[in-house]
Full PDB file with SEQRES, HELIX, SHEET, SSBOND, CRYST1, ORIGX, SCALE, CONECT and MASTER records, all heavy atoms in Angstrom:
SEQRES   1 A   44  GLU ALA VAL SER MET ARG SER VAL ALA THR ARG LEU GLY          
SEQRES   2 A   44  VAL GLU ALA MET SER LEU TYR ASN HIS VAL ALA ASN LYS          
SEQRES   3 A   44  LYS ALA LEU LEU ASP GLY LEU PHE ASP LEU VAL ILE ARG          
SEQRES   4 A   44  THR ALA ASN LEU PRO                                          
HELIX    1 AA1 MET A    5  LEU A   12  1                                   8    
HELIX    2 AA2 ALA A   16  ASN A   21  5                                   6    
HELIX    3 AA3 LYS A   26  THR A   40  1                                  15    
CRYST1    1.000    1.000    1.000  90.00  90.00  90.00 P 1           1          
ORIGX1      1.000000  0.000000  0.000000        0.00000                         
ORIGX2      0.000000  1.000000  0.000000        0.00000                         
ORIGX3      0.000000  0.000000  1.000000        0.00000                         
SCALE1      1.000000  0.000000  0.000000        0.00000                         
SCALE2      0.000000  1.000000  0.000000        0.00000                         
SCALE3      0.000000  0.000000  1.000000        0.00000                         
ATOM      1  N   GLU A   1       7.905   1.394  -8.575  1.00  0.00           N  
ATOM      2  CA  GLU A   1       9.008   0.545  -8.126  1.00  0.00           C  
ATOM      3  C   GLU A   1       9.547   0.974  -6.754  1.00  0.00           C  
ATOM      4  O   GLU A   1      10.218   0.186  -6.073  1.00  0.00           O  
ATOM      5  CB  GLU A   1      10.137   0.547  -9.154  1.00  0.00           C  
ATOM      6  CG  GLU A   1      10.812   1.886  -9.374  1.00  0.00           C  
ATOM      7  CD  GLU A   1      10.066   2.811 -10.334  1.00  0.00           C  
ATOM      8  OE1 GLU A   1       8.967   2.427 -10.803  1.00  0.00           O  
ATOM      9  OE2 GLU A   1      10.596   3.898 -10.619  1.00  0.00           O  
ATOM     10  N   ALA A   2       9.261   2.197  -6.339  1.00  0.00           N  
ATOM     11  CA  ALA A   2       9.738   2.677  -5.029  1.00  0.00           C  
ATOM     12  C   ALA A   2       8.818   2.271  -3.889  1.00  0.00           C  
ATOM     13  O   ALA A   2       9.144   2.477  -2.725  1.00  0.00           O  
ATOM     14  CB  ALA A   2       9.883   4.194  -5.051  1.00  0.00           C  
ATOM     15  N   VAL A   3       7.657   1.710  -4.220  1.00  0.00           N  
ATOM     16  CA  VAL A   3       6.689   1.328  -3.189  1.00  0.00           C  
ATOM     17  C   VAL A   3       7.068  -0.031  -2.607  1.00  0.00           C  
ATOM     18  O   VAL A   3       7.204  -1.017  -3.326  1.00  0.00           O  
ATOM     19  CB  VAL A   3       5.266   1.269  -3.771  1.00  0.00           C  
ATOM     20  CG1 VAL A   3       4.280   0.762  -2.718  1.00  0.00           C  
ATOM     21  CG2 VAL A   3       4.835   2.640  -4.277  1.00  0.00           C  
ATOM     22  N   SER A   4       7.253  -0.075  -1.309  1.00  0.00           N  
ATOM     23  CA  SER A   4       7.535  -1.320  -0.598  1.00  0.00           C  
ATOM     24  C   SER A   4       6.966  -1.206   0.800  1.00  0.00           C  
ATOM     25  O   SER A   4       6.578  -0.116   1.248  1.00  0.00           O  
ATOM     26  CB  SER A   4       9.048  -1.575  -0.531  1.00  0.00           C  
ATOM     27  OG  SER A   4       9.670  -0.598   0.293  1.00  0.00           O  
ATOM     28  N   MET A   5       6.911  -2.322   1.497  1.00  0.00           N  
ATOM     29  CA  MET A   5       6.425  -2.278   2.874  1.00  0.00           C  
ATOM     30  C   MET A   5       7.315  -1.351   3.703  1.00  0.00           C  
ATOM     31  O   MET A   5       6.830  -0.568   4.521  1.00  0.00           O  
ATOM     32  CB  MET A   5       6.412  -3.689   3.467  1.00  0.00           C  
ATOM     33  CG  MET A   5       5.528  -4.676   2.724  1.00  0.00           C  
ATOM     34  SD  MET A   5       3.761  -4.282   2.796  1.00  0.00           S  
ATOM     35  CE  MET A   5       3.326  -5.034   4.367  1.00  0.00           C  
ATOM     36  N   ARG A   6       8.611  -1.415   3.467  1.00  0.00           N  
ATOM     37  CA  ARG A   6       9.541  -0.591   4.238  1.00  0.00           C  
ATOM     38  C   ARG A   6       9.369   0.895   3.921  1.00  0.00           C  
ATOM     39  O   ARG A   6       9.345   1.742   4.825  1.00  0.00           O  
ATOM     40  CB  ARG A   6      10.980  -1.026   3.953  1.00  0.00           C  
ATOM     41  CG  ARG A   6      12.018  -0.280   4.795  1.00  0.00           C  
ATOM     42  CD  ARG A   6      13.421  -0.753   4.466  1.00  0.00           C  
ATOM     43  NE  ARG A   6      13.581  -2.164   4.787  1.00  0.00           N  
ATOM     44  CZ  ARG A   6      13.874  -2.628   5.994  1.00  0.00           C  
ATOM     45  NH1 ARG A   6      14.030  -1.769   7.007  1.00  0.00           N  
ATOM     46  NH2 ARG A   6      14.026  -3.913   6.204  1.00  0.00           N  
ATOM     47  N   SER A   7       9.254   1.231   2.626  1.00  0.00           N  
ATOM     48  CA  SER A   7       9.141   2.649   2.270  1.00  0.00           C  
ATOM     49  C   SER A   7       7.838   3.252   2.774  1.00  0.00           C  
ATOM     50  O   SER A   7       7.797   4.406   3.207  1.00  0.00           O  
ATOM     51  CB  SER A   7       9.270   2.838   0.760  1.00  0.00           C  
ATOM     52  OG  SER A   7       8.180   2.261   0.060  1.00  0.00           O  
ATOM     53  N   VAL A   8       6.763   2.459   2.743  1.00  0.00           N  
ATOM     54  CA  VAL A   8       5.479   2.952   3.252  1.00  0.00           C  
ATOM     55  C   VAL A   8       5.552   3.134   4.761  1.00  0.00           C  
ATOM     56  O   VAL A   8       5.066   4.138   5.306  1.00  0.00           O  
ATOM     57  CB  VAL A   8       4.333   1.994   2.858  1.00  0.00           C  
ATOM     58  CG1 VAL A   8       3.044   2.378   3.570  1.00  0.00           C  
ATOM     59  CG2 VAL A   8       4.127   2.022   1.342  1.00  0.00           C  
ATOM     60  N   ALA A   9       6.161   2.166   5.449  1.00  0.00           N  
ATOM     61  CA  ALA A   9       6.302   2.294   6.905  1.00  0.00           C  
ATOM     62  C   ALA A   9       7.113   3.526   7.270  1.00  0.00           C  
ATOM     63  O   ALA A   9       6.763   4.266   8.205  1.00  0.00           O  
ATOM     64  CB  ALA A   9       6.955   1.029   7.465  1.00  0.00           C  
ATOM     65  N   THR A  10       8.191   3.772   6.535  1.00  0.00           N  
ATOM     66  CA  THR A  10       9.009   4.957   6.789  1.00  0.00           C  
ATOM     67  C   THR A  10       8.195   6.226   6.578  1.00  0.00           C  
ATOM     68  O   THR A  10       8.278   7.179   7.372  1.00  0.00           O  
ATOM     69  CB  THR A  10      10.245   4.961   5.868  1.00  0.00           C  
ATOM     70  OG1 THR A  10      11.029   3.799   6.141  1.00  0.00           O  
ATOM     71  CG2 THR A  10      11.086   6.214   6.079  1.00  0.00           C  
ATOM     72  N   ARG A  11       7.425   6.224   5.514  1.00  0.00           N  
ATOM     73  CA  ARG A  11       6.576   7.378   5.224  1.00  0.00           C  
ATOM     74  C   ARG A  11       5.601   7.656   6.375  1.00  0.00           C  
ATOM     75  O   ARG A  11       5.352   8.823   6.732  1.00  0.00           O  
ATOM     76  CB  ARG A  11       5.792   7.125   3.930  1.00  0.00           C  
ATOM     77  CG  ARG A  11       4.781   8.197   3.562  1.00  0.00           C  
ATOM     78  CD  ARG A  11       5.441   9.382   2.943  1.00  0.00           C  
ATOM     79  NE  ARG A  11       4.538  10.527   2.869  1.00  0.00           N  
ATOM     80  CZ  ARG A  11       4.884  11.712   2.385  1.00  0.00           C  
ATOM     81  NH1 ARG A  11       6.105  11.913   1.929  1.00  0.00           N  
ATOM     82  NH2 ARG A  11       4.025  12.712   2.363  1.00  0.00           N  
ATOM     83  N   LEU A  12       5.084   6.596   6.961  1.00  0.00           N  
ATOM     84  CA  LEU A  12       4.101   6.737   8.035  1.00  0.00           C  
ATOM     85  C   LEU A  12       4.741   6.881   9.410  1.00  0.00           C  
ATOM     86  O   LEU A  12       4.047   7.141  10.392  1.00  0.00           O  
ATOM     87  CB  LEU A  12       3.163   5.526   8.022  1.00  0.00           C  
ATOM     88  CG  LEU A  12       2.220   5.427   6.822  1.00  0.00           C  
ATOM     89  CD1 LEU A  12       1.549   4.064   6.797  1.00  0.00           C  
ATOM     90  CD2 LEU A  12       1.185   6.543   6.849  1.00  0.00           C  
ATOM     91  N   GLY A  13       6.065   6.678   9.491  1.00  0.00           N  
ATOM     92  CA  GLY A  13       6.738   6.785  10.767  1.00  0.00           C  
ATOM     93  C   GLY A  13       6.449   5.635  11.707  1.00  0.00           C  
ATOM     94  O   GLY A  13       6.350   5.823  12.922  1.00  0.00           O  
ATOM     95  N   VAL A  14       6.269   4.422  11.113  1.00  0.00           N  
ATOM     96  CA  VAL A  14       5.974   3.242  11.929  1.00  0.00           C  
ATOM     97  C   VAL A  14       6.923   2.124  11.528  1.00  0.00           C  
ATOM     98  O   VAL A  14       7.665   2.224  10.557  1.00  0.00           O  
ATOM     99  CB  VAL A  14       4.510   2.784  11.738  1.00  0.00           C  
ATOM    100  CG1 VAL A  14       3.540   3.880  12.158  1.00  0.00           C  
ATOM    101  CG2 VAL A  14       4.254   2.365  10.286  1.00  0.00           C  
ATOM    102  N   GLU A  15       6.881   1.021  12.283  1.00  0.00           N  
ATOM    103  CA  GLU A  15       7.642  -0.169  11.924  1.00  0.00           C  
ATOM    104  C   GLU A  15       6.926  -0.911  10.804  1.00  0.00           C  
ATOM    105  O   GLU A  15       5.684  -0.951  10.758  1.00  0.00           O  
ATOM    106  CB  GLU A  15       7.801  -1.087  13.135  1.00  0.00           C  
ATOM    107  CG  GLU A  15       8.634  -0.494  14.258  1.00  0.00           C  
ATOM    108  CD  GLU A  15      10.086  -0.280  13.841  1.00  0.00           C  
ATOM    109  OE1 GLU A  15      10.590  -1.065  13.014  1.00  0.00           O  
ATOM    110  OE2 GLU A  15      10.704   0.674  14.356  1.00  0.00           O  
ATOM    111  N   ALA A  16       7.704  -1.526   9.907  1.00  0.00           N  
ATOM    112  CA  ALA A  16       7.109  -2.229   8.775  1.00  0.00           C  
ATOM    113  C   ALA A  16       6.152  -3.331   9.223  1.00  0.00           C  
ATOM    114  O   ALA A  16       5.123  -3.576   8.586  1.00  0.00           O  
ATOM    115  CB  ALA A  16       8.206  -2.808   7.875  1.00  0.00           C  
ATOM    116  N   MET A  17       6.459  -3.981  10.336  1.00  0.00           N  
ATOM    117  CA  MET A  17       5.609  -5.071  10.811  1.00  0.00           C  
ATOM    118  C   MET A  17       4.189  -4.609  11.116  1.00  0.00           C  
ATOM    119  O   MET A  17       3.240  -5.388  11.022  1.00  0.00           O  
ATOM    120  CB  MET A  17       6.230  -5.721  12.053  1.00  0.00           C  
ATOM    121  CG  MET A  17       7.482  -6.536  11.767  1.00  0.00           C  
ATOM    122  SD  MET A  17       7.170  -7.933  10.648  1.00  0.00           S  
ATOM    123  CE  MET A  17       6.054  -8.907  11.668  1.00  0.00           C  
ATOM    124  N   SER A  18       4.039  -3.347  11.481  1.00  0.00           N  
ATOM    125  CA  SER A  18       2.705  -2.858  11.846  1.00  0.00           C  
ATOM    126  C   SER A  18       1.784  -2.758  10.634  1.00  0.00           C  
ATOM    127  O   SER A  18       0.563  -2.671  10.785  1.00  0.00           O  
ATOM    128  CB  SER A  18       2.806  -1.500  12.534  1.00  0.00           C  
ATOM    129  OG  SER A  18       3.341  -0.525  11.653  1.00  0.00           O  
ATOM    130  N   LEU A  19       2.363  -2.782   9.434  1.00  0.00           N  
ATOM    131  CA  LEU A  19       1.528  -2.704   8.229  1.00  0.00           C  
ATOM    132  C   LEU A  19       0.794  -4.007   7.945  1.00  0.00           C  
ATOM    133  O   LEU A  19      -0.227  -4.006   7.251  1.00  0.00           O  
ATOM    134  CB  LEU A  19       2.388  -2.343   7.008  1.00  0.00           C  
ATOM    135  CG  LEU A  19       3.178  -1.043   7.053  1.00  0.00           C  
ATOM    136  CD1 LEU A  19       3.852  -0.814   5.711  1.00  0.00           C  
ATOM    137  CD2 LEU A  19       2.287   0.135   7.416  1.00  0.00           C  
ATOM    138  N   TYR A  20       1.318  -5.105   8.460  1.00  0.00           N  
ATOM    139  CA  TYR A  20       0.767  -6.414   8.092  1.00  0.00           C  
ATOM    140  C   TYR A  20      -0.632  -6.644   8.637  1.00  0.00           C  
ATOM    141  O   TYR A  20      -1.321  -7.570   8.207  1.00  0.00           O  
ATOM    142  CB  TYR A  20       1.718  -7.530   8.545  1.00  0.00           C  
ATOM    143  CG  TYR A  20       2.977  -7.586   7.708  1.00  0.00           C  
ATOM    144  CD1 TYR A  20       4.136  -6.925   8.106  1.00  0.00           C  
ATOM    145  CD2 TYR A  20       2.992  -8.273   6.500  1.00  0.00           C  
ATOM    146  CE1 TYR A  20       5.285  -6.962   7.332  1.00  0.00           C  
ATOM    147  CE2 TYR A  20       4.141  -8.314   5.723  1.00  0.00           C  
ATOM    148  CZ  TYR A  20       5.286  -7.656   6.142  1.00  0.00           C  
ATOM    149  OH  TYR A  20       6.412  -7.681   5.369  1.00  0.00           O  
ATOM    150  N   ASN A  21      -1.078  -5.826   9.565  1.00  0.00           N  
ATOM    151  CA  ASN A  21      -2.470  -5.900  10.019  1.00  0.00           C  
ATOM    152  C   ASN A  21      -3.441  -5.343   8.989  1.00  0.00           C  
ATOM    153  O   ASN A  21      -4.658  -5.553   9.101  1.00  0.00           O  
ATOM    154  CB  ASN A  21      -2.645  -5.143  11.337  1.00  0.00           C  
ATOM    155  CG  ASN A  21      -1.914  -5.792  12.484  1.00  0.00           C  
ATOM    156  OD1 ASN A  21      -1.854  -7.009  12.584  1.00  0.00           O  
ATOM    157  ND2 ASN A  21      -1.340  -4.969  13.362  1.00  0.00           N  
ATOM    158  N   HIS A  22      -2.901  -4.635   7.984  1.00  0.00           N  
ATOM    159  CA  HIS A  22      -3.755  -3.957   7.005  1.00  0.00           C  
ATOM    160  C   HIS A  22      -3.510  -4.439   5.576  1.00  0.00           C  
ATOM    161  O   HIS A  22      -4.432  -4.433   4.755  1.00  0.00           O  
ATOM    162  CB  HIS A  22      -3.517  -2.451   7.093  1.00  0.00           C  
ATOM    163  CG  HIS A  22      -3.667  -1.917   8.485  1.00  0.00           C  
ATOM    164  ND1 HIS A  22      -4.898  -1.708   9.075  1.00  0.00           N  
ATOM    165  CD2 HIS A  22      -2.738  -1.585   9.421  1.00  0.00           C  
ATOM    166  CE1 HIS A  22      -4.737  -1.254  10.301  1.00  0.00           C  
ATOM    167  NE2 HIS A  22      -3.429  -1.169  10.541  1.00  0.00           N  
ATOM    168  N   VAL A  23      -2.291  -4.838   5.268  1.00  0.00           N  
ATOM    169  CA  VAL A  23      -1.968  -5.438   3.967  1.00  0.00           C  
ATOM    170  C   VAL A  23      -1.046  -6.627   4.224  1.00  0.00           C  
ATOM    171  O   VAL A  23      -0.087  -6.521   4.989  1.00  0.00           O  
ATOM    172  CB  VAL A  23      -1.289  -4.431   3.003  1.00  0.00           C  
ATOM    173  CG1 VAL A  23      -2.288  -3.394   2.516  1.00  0.00           C  
ATOM    174  CG2 VAL A  23      -0.106  -3.741   3.671  1.00  0.00           C  
ATOM    175  N   ALA A  24      -1.345  -7.753   3.590  1.00  0.00           N  
ATOM    176  CA  ALA A  24      -0.664  -8.998   3.935  1.00  0.00           C  
ATOM    177  C   ALA A  24       0.790  -9.032   3.488  1.00  0.00           C  
ATOM    178  O   ALA A  24       1.635  -9.640   4.131  1.00  0.00           O  
ATOM    179  CB  ALA A  24      -1.421 -10.186   3.340  1.00  0.00           C  
ATOM    180  N   ASN A  25       1.081  -8.385   2.357  1.00  0.00           N  
ATOM    181  CA  ASN A  25       2.430  -8.426   1.787  1.00  0.00           C  
ATOM    182  C   ASN A  25       2.512  -7.356   0.700  1.00  0.00           C  
ATOM    183  O   ASN A  25       1.550  -6.592   0.486  1.00  0.00           O  
ATOM    184  CB  ASN A  25       2.741  -9.815   1.210  1.00  0.00           C  
ATOM    185  CG  ASN A  25       1.612 -10.332   0.321  1.00  0.00           C  
ATOM    186  OD1 ASN A  25       1.030  -9.583  -0.454  1.00  0.00           O  
ATOM    187  ND2 ASN A  25       1.299 -11.613   0.450  1.00  0.00           N  
ATOM    188  N   LYS A  26       3.638  -7.314   0.001  1.00  0.00           N  
ATOM    189  CA  LYS A  26       3.815  -6.282  -1.015  1.00  0.00           C  
ATOM    190  C   LYS A  26       2.797  -6.431  -2.139  1.00  0.00           C  
ATOM    191  O   LYS A  26       2.277  -5.431  -2.647  1.00  0.00           O  
ATOM    192  CB  LYS A  26       5.232  -6.311  -1.584  1.00  0.00           C  
ATOM    193  CG  LYS A  26       5.461  -5.211  -2.616  1.00  0.00           C  
ATOM    194  CD  LYS A  26       6.880  -5.185  -3.140  1.00  0.00           C  
ATOM    195  CE  LYS A  26       7.043  -4.098  -4.201  1.00  0.00           C  
ATOM    196  NZ  LYS A  26       8.435  -4.029  -4.702  1.00  0.00           N  
ATOM    197  N   LYS A  27       2.496  -7.665  -2.551  1.00  0.00           N  
ATOM    198  CA  LYS A  27       1.500  -7.862  -3.611  1.00  0.00           C  
ATOM    199  C   LYS A  27       0.152  -7.286  -3.191  1.00  0.00           C  
ATOM    200  O   LYS A  27      -0.514  -6.600  -3.978  1.00  0.00           O  
ATOM    201  CB  LYS A  27       1.350  -9.337  -3.934  1.00  0.00           C  
ATOM    202  CG  LYS A  27       0.311  -9.612  -5.024  1.00  0.00           C  
ATOM    203  CD  LYS A  27       0.138 -11.088  -5.284  1.00  0.00           C  
ATOM    204  CE  LYS A  27      -0.883 -11.319  -6.395  1.00  0.00           C  
ATOM    205  NZ  LYS A  27      -2.214 -10.760  -6.083  1.00  0.00           N  
ATOM    206  N   ALA A  28      -0.246  -7.550  -1.959  1.00  0.00           N  
ATOM    207  CA  ALA A  28      -1.509  -7.001  -1.464  1.00  0.00           C  
ATOM    208  C   ALA A  28      -1.459  -5.480  -1.406  1.00  0.00           C  
ATOM    209  O   ALA A  28      -2.461  -4.796  -1.663  1.00  0.00           O  
ATOM    210  CB  ALA A  28      -1.827  -7.579  -0.089  1.00  0.00           C  
ATOM    211  N   LEU A  29      -0.293  -4.947  -1.074  1.00  0.00           N  
ATOM    212  CA  LEU A  29      -0.125  -3.493  -1.052  1.00  0.00           C  
ATOM    213  C   LEU A  29      -0.331  -2.907  -2.446  1.00  0.00           C  
ATOM    214  O   LEU A  29      -1.055  -1.914  -2.620  1.00  0.00           O  
ATOM    215  CB  LEU A  29       1.268  -3.159  -0.534  1.00  0.00           C  
ATOM    216  CG  LEU A  29       1.671  -1.676  -0.506  1.00  0.00           C  
ATOM    217  CD1 LEU A  29       0.778  -0.895   0.445  1.00  0.00           C  
ATOM    218  CD2 LEU A  29       3.133  -1.535  -0.098  1.00  0.00           C  
ATOM    219  N   LEU A  30       0.272  -3.525  -3.455  1.00  0.00           N  
ATOM    220  CA  LEU A  30       0.133  -3.020  -4.822  1.00  0.00           C  
ATOM    221  C   LEU A  30      -1.275  -3.262  -5.358  1.00  0.00           C  
ATOM    222  O   LEU A  30      -1.805  -2.428  -6.108  1.00  0.00           O  
ATOM    223  CB  LEU A  30       1.171  -3.669  -5.725  1.00  0.00           C  
ATOM    224  CG  LEU A  30       2.624  -3.278  -5.430  1.00  0.00           C  
ATOM    225  CD1 LEU A  30       3.574  -4.026  -6.354  1.00  0.00           C  
ATOM    226  CD2 LEU A  30       2.826  -1.768  -5.561  1.00  0.00           C  
ATOM    227  N   ASP A  31      -1.887  -4.384  -4.989  1.00  0.00           N  
ATOM    228  CA  ASP A  31      -3.272  -4.614  -5.402  1.00  0.00           C  
ATOM    229  C   ASP A  31      -4.180  -3.540  -4.810  1.00  0.00           C  
ATOM    230  O   ASP A  31      -5.077  -3.017  -5.477  1.00  0.00           O  
ATOM    231  CB  ASP A  31      -3.747  -5.994  -4.941  1.00  0.00           C  
ATOM    232  CG  ASP A  31      -3.156  -7.129  -5.766  1.00  0.00           C  
ATOM    233  OD1 ASP A  31      -2.586  -6.859  -6.848  1.00  0.00           O  
ATOM    234  OD2 ASP A  31      -3.271  -8.290  -5.330  1.00  0.00           O  
ATOM    235  N   GLY A  32      -3.955  -3.214  -3.543  1.00  0.00           N  
ATOM    236  CA  GLY A  32      -4.757  -2.167  -2.909  1.00  0.00           C  
ATOM    237  C   GLY A  32      -4.507  -0.812  -3.535  1.00  0.00           C  
ATOM    238  O   GLY A  32      -5.444  -0.005  -3.692  1.00  0.00           O  
ATOM    239  N   LEU A  33      -3.273  -0.550  -3.915  1.00  0.00           N  
ATOM    240  CA  LEU A  33      -2.955   0.711  -4.589  1.00  0.00           C  
ATOM    241  C   LEU A  33      -3.661   0.777  -5.936  1.00  0.00           C  
ATOM    242  O   LEU A  33      -4.185   1.824  -6.322  1.00  0.00           O  
ATOM    243  CB  LEU A  33      -1.442   0.833  -4.766  1.00  0.00           C  
ATOM    244  CG  LEU A  33      -0.917   2.098  -5.439  1.00  0.00           C  
ATOM    245  CD1 LEU A  33      -1.363   3.350  -4.689  1.00  0.00           C  
ATOM    246  CD2 LEU A  33       0.608   2.055  -5.541  1.00  0.00           C  
ATOM    247  N   PHE A  34      -3.687  -0.345  -6.647  1.00  0.00           N  
ATOM    248  CA  PHE A  34      -4.437  -0.411  -7.903  1.00  0.00           C  
ATOM    249  C   PHE A  34      -5.904  -0.042  -7.674  1.00  0.00           C  
ATOM    250  O   PHE A  34      -6.484   0.760  -8.395  1.00  0.00           O  
ATOM    251  CB  PHE A  34      -4.326  -1.823  -8.490  1.00  0.00           C  
ATOM    252  CG  PHE A  34      -5.154  -2.063  -9.728  1.00  0.00           C  
ATOM    253  CD1 PHE A  34      -4.601  -1.927 -10.988  1.00  0.00           C  
ATOM    254  CD2 PHE A  34      -6.487  -2.433  -9.633  1.00  0.00           C  
ATOM    255  CE1 PHE A  34      -5.358  -2.152 -12.124  1.00  0.00           C  
ATOM    256  CE2 PHE A  34      -7.258  -2.661 -10.757  1.00  0.00           C  
ATOM    257  CZ  PHE A  34      -6.688  -2.512 -12.013  1.00  0.00           C  
ATOM    258  N   ASP A  35      -6.506  -0.654  -6.651  1.00  0.00           N  
ATOM    259  CA  ASP A  35      -7.908  -0.366  -6.351  1.00  0.00           C  
ATOM    260  C   ASP A  35      -8.117   1.124  -6.086  1.00  0.00           C  
ATOM    261  O   ASP A  35      -9.074   1.733  -6.584  1.00  0.00           O  
ATOM    262  CB  ASP A  35      -8.368  -1.156  -5.120  1.00  0.00           C  
ATOM    263  CG  ASP A  35      -8.436  -2.652  -5.372  1.00  0.00           C  
ATOM    264  OD1 ASP A  35      -8.509  -3.042  -6.542  1.00  0.00           O  
ATOM    265  OD2 ASP A  35      -8.413  -3.414  -4.392  1.00  0.00           O  
ATOM    266  N   LEU A  36      -7.220   1.718  -5.296  1.00  0.00           N  
ATOM    267  CA  LEU A  36      -7.331   3.131  -4.959  1.00  0.00           C  
ATOM    268  C   LEU A  36      -7.229   3.996  -6.210  1.00  0.00           C  
ATOM    269  O   LEU A  36      -7.998   4.954  -6.391  1.00  0.00           O  
ATOM    270  CB  LEU A  36      -6.244   3.508  -3.952  1.00  0.00           C  
ATOM    271  CG  LEU A  36      -6.172   4.978  -3.521  1.00  0.00           C  
ATOM    272  CD1 LEU A  36      -7.476   5.412  -2.862  1.00  0.00           C  
ATOM    273  CD2 LEU A  36      -4.988   5.204  -2.579  1.00  0.00           C  
ATOM    274  N   VAL A  37      -6.294   3.667  -7.087  1.00  0.00           N  
ATOM    275  CA  VAL A  37      -6.097   4.446  -8.306  1.00  0.00           C  
ATOM    276  C   VAL A  37      -7.318   4.346  -9.217  1.00  0.00           C  
ATOM    277  O   VAL A  37      -7.774   5.347  -9.786  1.00  0.00           O  
ATOM    278  CB  VAL A  37      -4.818   3.982  -9.036  1.00  0.00           C  
ATOM    279  CG1 VAL A  37      -4.735   4.588 -10.424  1.00  0.00           C  
ATOM    280  CG2 VAL A  37      -3.590   4.362  -8.233  1.00  0.00           C  
ATOM    281  N   ILE A  38      -7.867   3.139  -9.364  1.00  0.00           N  
ATOM    282  CA  ILE A  38      -9.051   2.972 -10.206  1.00  0.00           C  
ATOM    283  C   ILE A  38     -10.218   3.782  -9.649  1.00  0.00           C  
ATOM    284  O   ILE A  38     -10.963   4.429 -10.398  1.00  0.00           O  
ATOM    285  CB  ILE A  38      -9.427   1.489 -10.321  1.00  0.00           C  
ATOM    286  CG1 ILE A  38      -8.402   0.747 -11.183  1.00  0.00           C  
ATOM    287  CG2 ILE A  38     -10.829   1.325 -10.928  1.00  0.00           C  
ATOM    288  CD1 ILE A  38      -8.332   1.195 -12.630  1.00  0.00           C  
ATOM    289  N   ARG A  39     -10.381   3.779  -8.338  1.00  0.00           N  
ATOM    290  CA  ARG A  39     -11.467   4.574  -7.757  1.00  0.00           C  
ATOM    291  C   ARG A  39     -11.256   6.061  -8.020  1.00  0.00           C  
ATOM    292  O   ARG A  39     -12.209   6.815  -8.227  1.00  0.00           O  
ATOM    293  CB  ARG A  39     -11.581   4.304  -6.255  1.00  0.00           C  
ATOM    294  CG  ARG A  39     -12.078   2.913  -5.921  1.00  0.00           C  
ATOM    295  CD  ARG A  39     -12.544   2.819  -4.474  1.00  0.00           C  
ATOM    296  NE  ARG A  39     -11.484   3.034  -3.515  1.00  0.00           N  
ATOM    297  CZ  ARG A  39     -10.681   2.076  -3.053  1.00  0.00           C  
ATOM    298  NH1 ARG A  39     -10.812   0.842  -3.482  1.00  0.00           N  
ATOM    299  NH2 ARG A  39      -9.752   2.357  -2.152  1.00  0.00           N  
ATOM    300  N   THR A  40     -10.000   6.494  -8.015  1.00  0.00           N  
ATOM    301  CA  THR A  40      -9.674   7.895  -8.276  1.00  0.00           C  
ATOM    302  C   THR A  40     -10.072   8.310  -9.680  1.00  0.00           C  
ATOM    303  O   THR A  40     -10.378   9.485  -9.932  1.00  0.00           O  
ATOM    304  CB  THR A  40      -8.159   8.131  -8.068  1.00  0.00           C  
ATOM    305  OG1 THR A  40      -7.814   7.781  -6.731  1.00  0.00           O  
ATOM    306  CG2 THR A  40      -7.772   9.570  -8.314  1.00  0.00           C  
ATOM    307  N   ALA A  41     -10.080   7.356 -10.618  1.00  0.00           N  
ATOM    308  CA  ALA A  41     -10.365   7.674 -12.018  1.00  0.00           C  
ATOM    309  C   ALA A  41     -11.830   8.018 -12.264  1.00  0.00           C  
ATOM    310  O   ALA A  41     -12.165   8.584 -13.308  1.00  0.00           O  
ATOM    311  CB  ALA A  41      -9.957   6.501 -12.908  1.00  0.00           C  
ATOM    312  N   ASN A  42     -12.717   7.664 -11.327  1.00  0.00           N  
ATOM    313  CA  ASN A  42     -14.150   7.942 -11.489  1.00  0.00           C  
ATOM    314  C   ASN A  42     -14.681   7.404 -12.821  1.00  0.00           C  
ATOM    315  O   ASN A  42     -15.329   8.121 -13.593  1.00  0.00           O  
ATOM    316  CB  ASN A  42     -14.426   9.448 -11.381  1.00  0.00           C  
ATOM    317  CG  ASN A  42     -14.175   9.989  -9.990  1.00  0.00           C  
ATOM    318  OD1 ASN A  42     -14.538   9.361  -9.001  1.00  0.00           O  
ATOM    319  ND2 ASN A  42     -13.533  11.145  -9.905  1.00  0.00           N  
ATOM    320  N   LEU A  43     -14.414   6.140 -13.092  1.00  0.00           N  
ATOM    321  CA  LEU A  43     -14.932   5.512 -14.305  1.00  0.00           C  
ATOM    322  C   LEU A  43     -16.443   5.355 -14.196  1.00  0.00           C  
ATOM    323  O   LEU A  43     -16.996   5.324 -13.098  1.00  0.00           O  
ATOM    324  CB  LEU A  43     -14.273   4.144 -14.505  1.00  0.00           C  
ATOM    325  CG  LEU A  43     -12.748   4.138 -14.614  1.00  0.00           C  
ATOM    326  CD1 LEU A  43     -12.238   2.718 -14.802  1.00  0.00           C  
ATOM    327  CD2 LEU A  43     -12.274   5.028 -15.752  1.00  0.00           C  
ATOM    328  N   PRO A  44     -17.140   5.265 -15.341  1.00  0.00           N  
ATOM    329  CA  PRO A  44     -18.607   5.166 -15.296  1.00  0.00           C  
ATOM    330  C   PRO A  44     -19.068   3.933 -14.525  1.00  0.00           C  
ATOM    331  O   PRO A  44     -18.548   2.835 -14.726  1.00  0.00           O  
ATOM    332  CB  PRO A  44     -18.988   5.045 -16.781  1.00  0.00           C  
ATOM    333  CG  PRO A  44     -17.832   5.605 -17.533  1.00  0.00           C  
ATOM    334  CD  PRO A  44     -16.620   5.288 -16.715  1.00  0.00           C  
TER     335      PRO A  44                                                      
MASTER        0    0    0    3    0    0    0    6  334    1    0    4          
END                                                                             
């Protein structure tokens, strides 16, 4: 619930608008996070 475009931008030390070149919106951000987490699990 703490993940947002603004919180990620703050974490990276950039403006939130600069994230939109890489993730379209918050839903895309969470979808991408899901993908990253699943890859981390090393499922068969």
